[in-house]
Amino acid sequence: MSVVIDASVALKWVLDEPGKDAADALLEEELIAPSLWLLEAANALWRRTQRGEINGEEAKERLSELYNAPVTTTTLEYDCLYLAMAIRENTYVVTADSRFHAAVDRSLTLKGAVRMLGD
């Protein structure tokens, strides 16, 4: 079974912070993440350089390590973010994207979570 990780876990592989051992242990698993994880990790490393916690060269090295981490990166369908927000907020998405609407409408559990603009 695959395990989805986010940037906060991946950063523990390259930074000495609480939870590092648990994050390292996950490296034995089949790891997957949406492509956004590397952008989030890069942003977190940049913020650490701004705070003076690491320098620019260290940030580049650590980002390179993360880029080579054993994580299968999947493309992120931005539509899913809208759908996730609608589910979290117990509401629905209004879209003009008929393919997105049709894909969600085929799901028994998500039917009605996406509505076409004007319907």
Foldseek 3Di string as FASTA:
>chain_A
DEDEDALVLLVLCLDPDPPVVVSVVCLVGQYEYEPCRLVVNLVVLVVCCVVVVDPPVSSVVSSVVSVPRNYHYDYDDVVVVVLVVCVVVVHAAEEQDVVSLVVQCVDPVRNPRYHYPPD
